Amino acid sequence: MSKIREPRYRKIAFQIAEKIVNNEYKVGSKLHARSTLSVTFGVSAETARKAINILSDLDIVKPIHGSGIEVLSRERAKYFLNQAQETTNIQTIHDQINDLIETQRTSLNSLSDSLTALFDQTQRVQRHNPLTPYEFSLSDSSKQLGESIGNLNIWQNTGATIIAILHNEELVVSPGPYAVIESGDTLYFVGTEMAFHAVQNFFQ
């Protein structure tokens, strides 16, 4: 995220105000002309003019034509610096929040990448290990309820082999062809991913 940059002329205005607060430029004294100030602070005459205009608008200094720039108020200069410091603090907190948001976004992206990698790895393991069982829970809407495994010809219709049935919290391992499928049962079977989708379609 982009950060707000302080204009150069405002930085020069702060530096002049600091000198006034520190009594380097005393109230009632006169500063050099803007052209000389530009040399002192290493900026262009236009930048120095803008800096003086800021201080003049706040009645901290007063440009006098042909006579330099008069320092008017140390208290206003101090207030100007305090306000600037508060603004800087707010900007610092704003930047810190933006940094935290960016860090969180990076972490979320990293988590998303990790989850994608885990999913891909799981898919590869599933494809390479067809003996890993799938599970499928039967709903009340299935038309095959009350039928036996043998009558349904599950292997012939789906390519899946039933290895267990969870019925009323009891796991029946290696059910025979006479085992009846009922609502709420969970089927455990092995086969390819295509067989898994075929089981879903068969019972739905």
Protein backbone atom coordinates (compact mmCIF):
# COMPACT_ATOMS: atom_id res chain seq x y z
CA MET A 1 0.00 0.00 0.00
CA SER A 2 1.21 3.53 -0.77
CA LYS A 3 2.35 5.83 2.01
CA ILE A 4 1.76 9.58 2.24
CA ARG A 5 4.92 11.61 1.60
CA GLU A 6 5.45 14.95 3.28
CA PRO A 7 6.00 17.77 0.74
CA ARG A 8 9.50 19.21 0.85
CA TYR A 9 8.31 22.73 1.57
CA ARG A 10 6.43 21.54 4.68
CA LYS A 11 9.60 19.91 5.96
CA ILE A 12 11.41 23.24 5.53
CA ALA A 13 8.57 25.02 7.35
CA PHE A 14 9.01 22.56 10.24
CA GLN A 15 12.75 23.18 10.35
CA ILE A 16 12.26 26.96 10.47
CA ALA A 17 9.60 26.55 13.18
CA GLU A 18 11.98 24.36 15.20
CA LYS A 19 14.64 27.05 15.04
CA ILE A 20 12.10 29.60 16.26
CA VAL A 21 11.03 27.33 19.14
CA ASN A 22 14.69 26.73 20.05
CA ASN A 23 15.34 30.51 19.98
CA GLU A 24 17.80 30.16 17.15
CA TYR A 25 15.49 32.56 15.36
CA LYS A 26 14.25 34.91 18.09
CA VAL A 27 10.87 36.68 18.10
CA GLY A 28 11.28 40.15 16.62
CA SER A 29 14.38 39.21 14.65
CA LYS A 30 14.40 39.09 10.89
CA LEU A 31 15.32 36.12 8.76
CA HIS A 32 17.16 36.33 5.48
CA ALA A 33 15.32 36.81 2.24
CA ARG A 34 13.70 33.75 0.70
CA SER A 35 16.51 33.38 -1.82
CA THR A 36 19.04 33.18 1.02
CA LEU A 37 16.87 30.72 2.95
CA SER A 38 16.77 28.48 -0.10
CA VAL A 39 20.56 28.29 -0.02
CA THR A 40 20.60 27.73 3.75
CA PHE A 41 18.23 24.77 3.54
CA GLY A 42 19.44 23.49 0.16
CA VAL A 43 16.13 23.89 -1.67
CA SER A 44 14.80 25.95 -4.55
CA ALA A 45 13.59 29.53 -4.04
CA GLU A 46 10.06 28.37 -4.85
CA THR A 47 10.21 25.69 -2.13
CA ALA A 48 11.47 28.27 0.38
CA ARG A 49 8.66 30.65 -0.66
CA LYS A 50 6.01 27.96 -0.04
CA ALA A 51 7.52 27.17 3.37
CA ILE A 52 7.43 30.84 4.39
CA ASN A 53 3.84 31.14 3.11
CA ILE A 54 2.77 28.30 5.45
CA LEU A 55 4.38 30.02 8.44
CA SER A 56 2.99 33.39 7.36
CA ASP A 57 -0.57 32.01 7.10
CA LEU A 58 -0.22 30.81 10.71
CA ASP A 59 1.12 34.20 11.88
CA ILE A 60 4.42 32.64 12.89
CA VAL A 61 6.42 34.91 10.59
CA LYS A 62 5.65 37.97 8.48
CA PRO A 63 7.37 38.69 5.15
CA ILE A 64 8.28 42.38 4.88
CA HIS A 65 8.91 43.58 1.38
CA GLY A 66 12.51 44.59 0.93
CA SER A 67 13.33 43.90 4.58
CA GLY A 68 13.37 40.12 5.02
CA ILE A 69 11.06 37.99 7.15
CA GLU A 70 10.12 38.95 10.71
CA VAL A 71 9.63 36.27 13.40
CA LEU A 72 6.30 36.94 15.12
CA SER A 73 5.48 34.14 17.57
CA ARG A 74 7.38 31.35 19.31
CA GLU A 75 4.15 29.95 20.82
CA ARG A 76 2.47 29.59 17.43
CA ALA A 77 5.59 27.90 16.10
CA LYS A 78 5.44 25.43 19.01
CA TYR A 79 1.73 24.77 18.38
CA PHE A 80 2.45 24.22 14.68
CA LEU A 81 5.12 21.61 15.54
CA ASN A 82 2.85 19.87 18.06
CA GLN A 83 0.08 19.60 15.48
CA ALA A 84 2.55 18.26 12.94
CA GLN A 85 3.77 15.66 15.44
CA GLU A 86 0.21 14.47 16.09
CA THR A 87 -0.35 14.16 12.36
CA THR A 88 2.90 12.22 12.03
CA ASN A 89 1.81 9.87 14.83
CA ILE A 90 -1.51 9.24 13.12
CA GLN A 91 0.28 8.54 9.84
CA THR A 92 2.67 6.17 11.62
CA ILE A 93 -0.24 4.23 13.13
CA HIS A 94 -1.94 4.21 9.72
CA ASP A 95 1.21 2.79 8.12
CA GLN A 96 1.53 0.17 10.86
CA ILE A 97 -2.07 -0.93 10.31
CA ASN A 98 -1.45 -1.14 6.56
CA ASP A 99 1.67 -3.23 7.21
CA LEU A 100 -0.31 -5.58 9.47
CA ILE A 101 -3.04 -5.92 6.84
CA GLU A 102 -0.43 -6.68 4.19
CA THR A 103 1.23 -9.24 6.46
CA GLN A 104 -2.14 -10.86 7.14
CA ARG A 105 -2.94 -10.91 3.43
CA THR A 106 0.40 -12.57 2.72
CA SER A 107 -0.25 -15.15 5.47
CA LEU A 108 -3.73 -15.88 4.09
CA ASN A 109 -2.32 -16.31 0.60
CA SER A 110 0.33 -18.66 2.00
CA LEU A 111 -2.36 -20.62 3.87
CA SER A 112 -4.44 -20.84 0.70
CA ASP A 113 -1.42 -22.13 -1.23
CA SER A 114 -0.75 -24.71 1.49
CA LEU A 115 -4.36 -25.90 1.45
CA THR A 116 -4.25 -26.20 -2.34
CA ALA A 117 -1.02 -28.19 -2.11
CA LEU A 118 -2.57 -30.44 0.57
CA PHE A 119 -5.66 -31.00 -1.56
CA ASP A 120 -3.54 -31.83 -4.61
CA GLN A 121 -1.41 -34.21 -2.55
CA THR A 122 -4.53 -35.89 -1.15
CA GLN A 123 -5.90 -36.27 -4.65
CA ARG A 124 -2.63 -37.84 -5.82
CA VAL A 125 -2.61 -40.26 -2.89
CA GLN A 126 -6.23 -41.17 -3.59
CA ARG A 127 -5.48 -41.78 -7.25
CA HIS A 128 -2.40 -43.86 -6.48
CA ASN A 129 -4.05 -45.82 -3.64
CA PRO A 130 -7.46 -47.15 -4.72
CA LEU A 131 -7.63 -49.18 -1.49
CA THR A 132 -8.23 -46.01 0.53
CA PRO A 133 -11.96 -46.25 1.32
CA TYR A 134 -14.54 -43.68 0.38
CA GLU A 135 -17.61 -43.13 2.51
CA PHE A 136 -21.14 -42.20 1.53
CA SER A 137 -24.13 -41.56 3.80
CA LEU A 138 -27.58 -42.57 2.56
CA SER A 139 -30.47 -40.12 2.77
CA ASP A 140 -34.18 -40.80 3.15
CA SER A 141 -34.72 -39.86 -0.51
CA SER A 142 -32.69 -42.75 -1.91
CA LYS A 143 -34.83 -45.17 -3.95
CA GLN A 144 -32.56 -48.10 -3.09
CA LEU A 145 -33.43 -48.19 0.62
CA GLY A 146 -34.55 -51.59 1.87
CA GLU A 147 -32.69 -53.41 -0.91
CA SER A 148 -29.81 -55.84 -0.36
CA ILE A 149 -26.34 -55.35 -1.74
CA GLY A 150 -26.78 -58.42 -3.93
CA ASN A 151 -30.06 -57.23 -5.43
CA LEU A 152 -28.64 -53.78 -6.16
CA ASN A 153 -25.65 -55.18 -8.12
CA ILE A 154 -23.55 -52.31 -6.76
CA TRP A 155 -20.27 -53.49 -8.22
CA GLN A 156 -21.84 -54.08 -11.64
CA ASN A 157 -23.55 -50.67 -11.60
CA THR A 158 -20.80 -48.52 -10.08
CA GLY A 159 -17.50 -50.40 -10.07
CA ALA A 160 -17.29 -49.93 -6.27
CA THR A 161 -16.78 -52.74 -3.75
CA ILE A 162 -18.60 -52.35 -0.41
CA ILE A 163 -16.22 -53.19 2.44
CA ALA A 164 -18.27 -52.01 5.44
CA ILE A 165 -21.61 -50.53 6.47
CA LEU A 166 -22.12 -48.30 9.51
CA HIS A 167 -25.63 -49.01 10.78
CA ASN A 168 -27.00 -47.52 14.03
CA GLU A 169 -23.42 -46.85 15.19
CA GLU A 170 -22.46 -50.47 14.53
CA LEU A 171 -19.82 -51.09 11.89
CA VAL A 172 -20.48 -54.20 9.83
CA VAL A 173 -17.23 -55.17 8.11
CA SER A 174 -17.32 -57.13 4.85
CA PRO A 175 -21.11 -57.30 4.57
CA GLY A 176 -22.44 -60.15 2.46
CA PRO A 177 -24.77 -59.85 -0.51
CA TYR A 178 -27.79 -60.19 1.77
CA ALA A 179 -26.99 -57.07 3.85
CA VAL A 180 -29.85 -54.58 3.51
CA ILE A 181 -29.17 -50.89 3.02
CA GLU A 182 -31.28 -48.57 5.16
CA SER A 183 -31.72 -44.83 5.68
CA GLY A 184 -28.91 -43.25 7.68
CA ASP A 185 -26.41 -46.00 6.83
CA THR A 186 -22.91 -45.00 5.83
CA LEU A 187 -21.31 -47.09 3.10
CA TYR A 188 -17.55 -47.64 3.03
CA PHE A 189 -16.23 -48.77 -0.30
CA VAL A 190 -13.10 -48.90 -2.43
CA GLY A 191 -12.69 -48.08 -6.07
CA THR A 192 -11.61 -45.32 -8.40
CA GLU A 193 -12.69 -41.70 -8.22
CA MET A 194 -15.06 -42.49 -11.09
CA ALA A 195 -16.57 -45.24 -8.94
CA PHE A 196 -17.09 -42.74 -6.12
CA HIS A 197 -19.10 -40.43 -8.40
CA ALA A 198 -21.00 -43.43 -9.77
CA VAL A 199 -22.02 -44.41 -6.21
CA GLN A 200 -23.22 -40.85 -5.55
CA ASN A 201 -25.33 -40.87 -8.73
CA PHE A 202 -26.60 -44.41 -8.11
CA PHE A 203 -27.99 -43.67 -4.65
CA GLN A 204 -29.23 -40.19 -5.44
